[in-house]
């Protein structure tokens, strides 16, 4: 069975690449029983959204005053 360290590592890796079926299944089982890792996963997703939004807003030129 996957421990929390392995689960959080996979949650982070999942931001960079698609997990294989075995990784997905093991992570899903762990997340079903571990609220701490579920919460960590939600925080990682939120941070990623914030970074993307910030990056997108900095890609547009600012209006000249």
C-alpha atoms as a PDB file:
ATOM      1  CA  UNK A   1       0.000   0.000   0.000  1.00  0.00           C
ATOM      2  CA  UNK A   2       1.161   3.497  -0.861  1.00  0.00           C
ATOM      3  CA  UNK A   3       2.232   5.780   1.981  1.00  0.00           C
ATOM      4  CA  UNK A   4       1.671   9.546   2.202  1.00  0.00           C
ATOM      5  CA  UNK A   5       5.178  10.435   1.036  1.00  0.00           C
ATOM      6  CA  UNK A   6       4.713   8.369  -2.123  1.00  0.00           C
ATOM      7  CA  UNK A   7       1.242   9.807  -2.697  1.00  0.00           C
ATOM      8  CA  UNK A   8       2.341  13.426  -2.401  1.00  0.00           C
ATOM      9  CA  UNK A   9       5.260  12.719  -4.707  1.00  0.00           C
ATOM     10  CA  UNK A  10       2.890  11.251  -7.315  1.00  0.00           C
ATOM     11  CA  UNK A  11       0.521  14.200  -6.946  1.00  0.00           C
ATOM     12  CA  UNK A  12       3.428  16.512  -7.748  1.00  0.00           C
ATOM     13  CA  UNK A  13       4.639  14.342 -10.627  1.00  0.00           C
ATOM     14  CA  UNK A  14       1.109  14.306 -12.059  1.00  0.00           C
ATOM     15  CA  UNK A  15       1.458  18.047 -12.645  1.00  0.00           C
ATOM     16  CA  UNK A  16       4.299  17.353 -15.086  1.00  0.00           C
ATOM     17  CA  UNK A  17       3.242  14.153 -16.804  1.00  0.00           C
ATOM     18  CA  UNK A  18       0.375  11.691 -17.120  1.00  0.00           C
ATOM     19  CA  UNK A  19       0.574   8.925 -14.544  1.00  0.00           C
ATOM     20  CA  UNK A  20       0.523   5.345 -15.776  1.00  0.00           C
ATOM     21  CA  UNK A  21      -2.446   3.126 -14.904  1.00  0.00           C
ATOM     22  CA  UNK A  22      -0.733   1.496 -11.932  1.00  0.00           C
ATOM     23  CA  UNK A  23       0.247   4.876 -10.470  1.00  0.00           C
ATOM     24  CA  UNK A  24      -3.257   6.255 -11.035  1.00  0.00           C
ATOM     25  CA  UNK A  25      -4.915   3.266  -9.363  1.00  0.00           C
ATOM     26  CA  UNK A  26      -2.601   3.247  -6.338  1.00  0.00           C
ATOM     27  CA  UNK A  27      -2.959   6.985  -5.888  1.00  0.00           C
ATOM     28  CA  UNK A  28      -6.746   6.837  -6.184  1.00  0.00           C
ATOM     29  CA  UNK A  29      -6.954   4.142  -3.495  1.00  0.00           C
ATOM     30  CA  UNK A  30      -4.688   6.129  -1.188  1.00  0.00           C
ATOM     31  CA  UNK A  31      -6.689   9.329  -1.722  1.00  0.00           C
ATOM     32  CA  UNK A  32      -9.911   7.506  -0.860  1.00  0.00           C
ATOM     33  CA  UNK A  33      -8.608   6.809   2.627  1.00  0.00           C
ATOM     34  CA  UNK A  34      -6.313   9.784   3.291  1.00  0.00           C
ATOM     35  CA  UNK A  35      -7.885  13.212   3.711  1.00  0.00           C
ATOM     36  CA  UNK A  36      -4.493  14.861   4.262  1.00  0.00           C
ATOM     37  CA  UNK A  37      -3.235  13.790   0.850  1.00  0.00           C
ATOM     38  CA  UNK A  38      -6.552  14.769  -0.761  1.00  0.00           C
ATOM     39  CA  UNK A  39      -6.135  18.213   0.738  1.00  0.00           C
ATOM     40  CA  UNK A  40      -2.515  18.383  -0.459  1.00  0.00           C
ATOM     41  CA  UNK A  41      -3.676  17.499  -3.973  1.00  0.00           C
ATOM     42  CA  UNK A  42      -6.260  20.279  -3.891  1.00  0.00           C
ATOM     43  CA  UNK A  43      -3.614  22.775  -2.776  1.00  0.00           C
ATOM     44  CA  UNK A  44      -1.263  21.700  -5.563  1.00  0.00           C
ATOM     45  CA  UNK A  45      -4.064  22.202  -8.104  1.00  0.00           C
ATOM     46  CA  UNK A  46      -4.866  25.647  -6.684  1.00  0.00           C
ATOM     47  CA  UNK A  47      -1.220  26.705  -6.822  1.00  0.00           C
ATOM     48  CA  UNK A  48      -0.938  25.506 -10.398  1.00  0.00           C
ATOM     49  CA  UNK A  49      -4.030  27.527 -11.363  1.00  0.00           C
ATOM     50  CA  UNK A  50      -2.631  30.638  -9.694  1.00  0.00           C
ATOM     51  CA  UNK A  51       0.715  30.260 -11.448  1.00  0.00           C
ATOM     52  CA  UNK A  52      -0.980  29.792 -14.822  1.00  0.00           C
ATOM     53  CA  UNK A  53      -3.203  32.826 -14.270  1.00  0.00           C
ATOM     54  CA  UNK A  54      -0.211  34.931 -13.250  1.00  0.00           C
ATOM     55  CA  UNK A  55       1.796  33.743 -16.238  1.00  0.00           C
ATOM     56  CA  UNK A  56      -1.069  34.475 -18.630  1.00  0.00           C
ATOM     57  CA  UNK A  57      -1.594  37.967 -17.228  1.00  0.00           C
ATOM     58  CA  UNK A  58       2.125  38.767 -17.529  1.00  0.00           C
ATOM     59  CA  UNK A  59       2.116  37.627 -21.182  1.00  0.00           C
ATOM     60  CA  UNK A  60      -0.210  40.477 -22.163  1.00  0.00           C
ATOM     61  CA  UNK A  61       1.376  43.896 -22.677  1.00  0.00           C
ATOM     62  CA  UNK A  62       0.415  46.544 -20.174  1.00  0.00           C
ATOM     63  CA  UNK A  63      -1.475  49.587 -21.375  1.00  0.00           C
ATOM     64  CA  UNK A  64       0.646  52.689 -21.759  1.00  0.00           C
ATOM     65  CA  UNK A  65      -0.453  55.630 -19.655  1.00  0.00           C
END
